């Protein structure tokens, strides 16, 4: 069975997650992504606060190896109570 996707793997892929700024969202997101991408580069993550500082946006650039890997990352991120949205 082949995976239907528009991406050609492996490829660089940005994972984005948003949540409240009052939790250590960056640590939560990087821990989840590392479970699925163990060879993640140290400088792969960037973060940006919202205009009012109430929310935080985290972006992690990974070397995606499959649609299954991406689906697993997104599922675990969206299941976490501190992650409000994952793109």
N, C-alpha and C. Protein backbone atom coordinates (compact mmCIF):
# COMPACT_ATOMS: atom_id res chain seq x y z
N UNK A 1 0.84 -1.18 0.00
CA UNK A 1 0.00 0.00 0.00
C UNK A 1 0.89 1.25 0.00
N UNK A 2 0.63 2.17 -0.88
CA UNK A 2 1.44 3.38 -0.95
C UNK A 2 0.74 4.53 -0.25
N UNK A 3 1.54 5.42 0.29
CA UNK A 3 1.00 6.60 0.95
C UNK A 3 0.70 7.65 -0.11
N UNK A 4 -0.49 8.23 -0.05
CA UNK A 4 -0.84 9.29 -0.97
C UNK A 4 -0.48 10.62 -0.33
N UNK A 5 0.44 11.33 -0.98
CA UNK A 5 0.87 12.62 -0.47
C UNK A 5 1.46 13.43 -1.62
N UNK A 6 1.47 14.72 -1.46
CA UNK A 6 2.07 15.60 -2.46
C UNK A 6 3.55 15.81 -2.20
N UNK A 7 4.03 15.33 -1.07
CA UNK A 7 5.43 15.51 -0.69
C UNK A 7 6.28 14.37 -1.21
N UNK A 8 7.53 14.70 -1.48
CA UNK A 8 8.50 13.69 -1.86
C UNK A 8 9.46 13.54 -0.68
N UNK A 9 9.47 12.37 -0.07
CA UNK A 9 10.27 12.13 1.12
C UNK A 9 11.61 11.53 0.76
N UNK A 10 12.64 11.84 1.53
CA UNK A 10 12.68 12.75 2.68
C UNK A 10 12.67 14.21 2.22
N UNK A 11 12.18 15.10 3.10
CA UNK A 11 12.12 16.52 2.80
C UNK A 11 12.15 17.34 4.09
N UNK A 12 12.56 18.59 3.95
CA UNK A 12 12.52 19.52 5.09
C UNK A 12 11.06 19.91 5.29
N UNK A 13 10.59 19.87 6.53
CA UNK A 13 9.18 20.15 6.78
C UNK A 13 9.03 20.94 8.08
N UNK A 14 8.32 22.07 8.04
CA UNK A 14 8.10 22.85 9.26
C UNK A 14 6.87 22.36 10.02
N UNK A 15 7.06 22.05 11.29
CA UNK A 15 5.97 21.70 12.19
C UNK A 15 5.70 22.94 13.03
N UNK A 16 4.45 23.38 13.08
CA UNK A 16 4.10 24.58 13.86
C UNK A 16 3.09 24.19 14.92
N UNK A 17 3.32 24.71 16.13
CA UNK A 17 2.40 24.47 17.24
C UNK A 17 2.19 25.77 18.00
N UNK A 18 0.96 25.98 18.45
CA UNK A 18 0.63 27.18 19.21
C UNK A 18 -0.01 26.79 20.54
N UNK A 19 0.25 27.64 21.55
CA UNK A 19 -0.33 27.39 22.86
C UNK A 19 -0.15 28.62 23.74
N UNK A 20 -0.65 28.52 24.97
CA UNK A 20 -0.52 29.62 25.93
C UNK A 20 0.94 29.83 26.29
N UNK A 21 1.29 31.08 26.50
CA UNK A 21 2.68 31.44 26.79
C UNK A 21 3.06 31.14 28.24
N UNK A 22 2.11 30.81 29.08
CA UNK A 22 2.41 30.60 30.49
C UNK A 22 2.92 29.19 30.81
N UNK A 23 3.05 28.34 29.83
CA UNK A 23 3.62 27.00 30.04
C UNK A 23 4.91 26.90 29.24
N UNK A 24 5.70 25.90 29.52
CA UNK A 24 6.96 25.70 28.80
C UNK A 24 6.67 24.96 27.50
N UNK A 25 5.94 25.64 26.62
CA UNK A 25 5.48 25.04 25.38
C UNK A 25 6.64 24.57 24.51
N UNK A 26 7.72 25.34 24.48
CA UNK A 26 8.86 24.94 23.65
C UNK A 26 9.42 23.58 24.07
N UNK A 27 9.49 23.33 25.37
CA UNK A 27 9.99 22.04 25.85
C UNK A 27 9.02 20.90 25.52
N UNK A 28 7.74 21.18 25.63
CA UNK A 28 6.71 20.18 25.32
C UNK A 28 6.78 19.80 23.84
N UNK A 29 6.82 20.81 22.98
CA UNK A 29 6.82 20.57 21.53
C UNK A 29 8.09 19.84 21.11
N UNK A 30 9.24 20.29 21.57
CA UNK A 30 10.49 19.66 21.15
C UNK A 30 10.58 18.22 21.65
N UNK A 31 10.05 17.95 22.84
CA UNK A 31 10.04 16.57 23.37
C UNK A 31 9.18 15.67 22.48
N UNK A 32 8.01 16.15 22.09
CA UNK A 32 7.12 15.36 21.23
C UNK A 32 7.77 15.12 19.87
N UNK A 33 8.30 16.16 19.26
CA UNK A 33 8.90 16.02 17.93
C UNK A 33 10.12 15.10 17.99
N UNK A 34 10.92 15.19 19.04
CA UNK A 34 12.11 14.32 19.17
C UNK A 34 11.76 12.84 19.29
N UNK A 35 10.61 12.53 19.84
CA UNK A 35 10.19 11.13 19.93
C UNK A 35 10.04 10.52 18.53
N UNK A 36 9.71 11.35 17.56
CA UNK A 36 9.48 10.87 16.20
C UNK A 36 10.62 11.21 15.25
N UNK A 37 11.52 12.10 15.69
CA UNK A 37 12.66 12.53 14.89
C UNK A 37 13.88 12.61 15.80
N UNK A 38 14.47 11.47 16.14
CA UNK A 38 15.56 11.46 17.12
C UNK A 38 16.81 12.23 16.71
N UNK A 39 17.04 12.39 15.42
CA UNK A 39 18.25 13.10 14.96
C UNK A 39 17.99 14.58 14.70
N UNK A 40 17.07 15.17 15.43
CA UNK A 40 16.70 16.57 15.27
C UNK A 40 17.87 17.48 15.60
N UNK A 41 18.11 18.46 14.74
CA UNK A 41 19.21 19.41 14.94
C UNK A 41 18.92 20.32 16.13
N UNK A 42 19.96 20.75 16.81
CA UNK A 42 19.82 21.62 17.98
C UNK A 42 19.17 22.96 17.64
N UNK A 43 19.44 23.46 16.44
CA UNK A 43 18.90 24.77 16.04
C UNK A 43 17.62 24.66 15.21
N UNK A 44 16.92 23.54 15.31
CA UNK A 44 15.74 23.29 14.48
C UNK A 44 14.50 24.05 14.96
N UNK A 45 14.51 24.57 16.19
CA UNK A 45 13.32 25.20 16.75
C UNK A 45 13.45 26.71 16.84
N UNK A 46 12.36 27.40 16.52
CA UNK A 46 12.25 28.84 16.74
C UNK A 46 10.91 29.09 17.44
N UNK A 47 10.84 30.18 18.19
CA UNK A 47 9.59 30.52 18.86
C UNK A 47 9.31 32.01 18.70
N UNK A 48 8.02 32.33 18.77
CA UNK A 48 7.61 33.72 18.61
C UNK A 48 6.38 33.97 19.46
N UNK A 49 6.41 34.99 20.31
CA UNK A 49 5.23 35.31 21.12
C UNK A 49 4.20 36.06 20.29
N UNK A 50 2.94 35.99 20.72
CA UNK A 50 1.89 36.75 20.06
C UNK A 50 2.06 38.23 20.38
N UNK A 51 1.31 39.07 19.72
CA UNK A 51 1.42 40.52 19.89
C UNK A 51 1.28 40.93 21.36
N UNK A 52 0.33 40.34 22.06
CA UNK A 52 0.09 40.68 23.47
C UNK A 52 0.87 39.80 24.44
N UNK A 53 1.59 38.81 23.92
CA UNK A 53 2.40 37.95 24.77
C UNK A 53 1.63 36.86 25.49
N UNK A 54 0.35 36.66 25.13
CA UNK A 54 -0.45 35.64 25.78
C UNK A 54 -0.24 34.25 25.21
N UNK A 55 0.19 34.19 23.95
CA UNK A 55 0.36 32.92 23.26
C UNK A 55 1.77 32.83 22.68
N UNK A 56 2.17 31.60 22.36
CA UNK A 56 3.49 31.35 21.80
C UNK A 56 3.32 30.45 20.58
N UNK A 57 4.06 30.77 19.52
CA UNK A 57 4.10 29.94 18.32
C UNK A 57 5.48 29.31 18.23
N UNK A 58 5.52 28.01 18.10
CA UNK A 58 6.77 27.26 18.01
C UNK A 58 6.84 26.63 16.62
N UNK A 59 7.98 26.77 15.96
CA UNK A 59 8.21 26.12 14.67
C UNK A 59 9.44 25.23 14.80
N UNK A 60 9.30 23.99 14.36
CA UNK A 60 10.40 23.04 14.37
C UNK A 60 10.56 22.52 12.94
N UNK A 61 11.74 22.69 12.38
CA UNK A 61 12.03 22.19 11.03
C UNK A 61 12.64 20.80 11.16
N UNK A 62 11.97 19.82 10.55
CA UNK A 62 12.47 18.44 10.63
C UNK A 62 12.81 17.93 9.24
N UNK A 63 13.55 16.86 9.21
CA UNK A 63 13.78 16.10 7.98
C UNK A 63 12.73 14.99 8.01
N UNK A 64 11.61 15.23 7.34
CA UNK A 64 10.50 14.28 7.36
C UNK A 64 10.82 13.08 6.47
N UNK A 65 10.54 11.89 6.99
CA UNK A 65 10.86 10.69 6.24
C UNK A 65 9.62 10.01 5.65
N UNK A 66 8.42 10.35 6.18
CA UNK A 66 7.20 9.72 5.66
C UNK A 66 5.96 10.46 6.14
N UNK A 67 4.87 10.21 5.46
CA UNK A 67 3.58 10.77 5.87
C UNK A 67 3.18 10.19 7.23
N UNK A 68 3.49 8.92 7.43
CA UNK A 68 3.18 8.26 8.71
C UNK A 68 3.88 8.98 9.87
N UNK A 69 5.13 9.37 9.68
CA UNK A 69 5.87 10.11 10.71
C UNK A 69 5.19 11.44 11.00
N UNK A 70 4.84 12.19 9.96
CA UNK A 70 4.18 13.49 10.14
C UNK A 70 2.83 13.33 10.84
N UNK A 71 2.06 12.33 10.43
CA UNK A 71 0.76 12.08 11.06
C UNK A 71 0.92 11.79 12.55
N UNK A 72 1.93 11.01 12.90
CA UNK A 72 2.16 10.67 14.31
C UNK A 72 2.55 11.90 15.12
N UNK A 73 3.39 12.77 14.56
CA UNK A 73 3.78 14.00 15.26
C UNK A 73 2.56 14.89 15.48
N UNK A 74 1.79 15.11 14.42
CA UNK A 74 0.61 15.97 14.54
C UNK A 74 -0.42 15.40 15.50
N UNK A 75 -0.60 14.10 15.50
CA UNK A 75 -1.55 13.48 16.41
C UNK A 75 -1.14 13.68 17.86
N UNK A 76 0.13 13.46 18.15
CA UNK A 76 0.61 13.62 19.52
C UNK A 76 0.57 15.09 19.96
N UNK A 77 0.91 16.00 19.05
CA UNK A 77 0.84 17.42 19.39
C UNK A 77 -0.60 17.84 19.69
N UNK A 78 -1.52 17.48 18.83
CA UNK A 78 -2.91 17.90 19.04
C UNK A 78 -3.56 17.21 20.23
N UNK A 79 -3.05 16.06 20.64
CA UNK A 79 -3.57 15.37 21.82
C UNK A 79 -3.08 16.01 23.12
N UNK A 80 -2.01 16.78 23.07
CA UNK A 80 -1.45 17.36 24.30
C UNK A 80 -2.31 18.53 24.75
N UNK A 81 -2.65 18.59 26.03
CA UNK A 81 -3.55 19.65 26.52
C UNK A 81 -3.00 21.08 26.43
N UNK A 82 -1.68 21.24 26.37
CA UNK A 82 -1.10 22.58 26.29
C UNK A 82 -0.95 23.10 24.86
N UNK A 83 -1.12 22.22 23.89
CA UNK A 83 -1.04 22.61 22.49
C UNK A 83 -2.44 22.93 22.01
N UNK A 84 -2.67 24.20 21.67
CA UNK A 84 -3.99 24.62 21.22
C UNK A 84 -4.21 24.35 19.74
N UNK A 85 -3.13 24.38 18.95
CA UNK A 85 -3.24 24.18 17.51
C UNK A 85 -1.90 23.72 16.96
N UNK A 86 -1.96 22.84 15.96
CA UNK A 86 -0.74 22.40 15.28
C UNK A 86 -0.99 22.48 13.77
N UNK A 87 -0.02 23.05 13.07
CA UNK A 87 -0.13 23.22 11.61
C UNK A 87 1.05 22.57 10.92
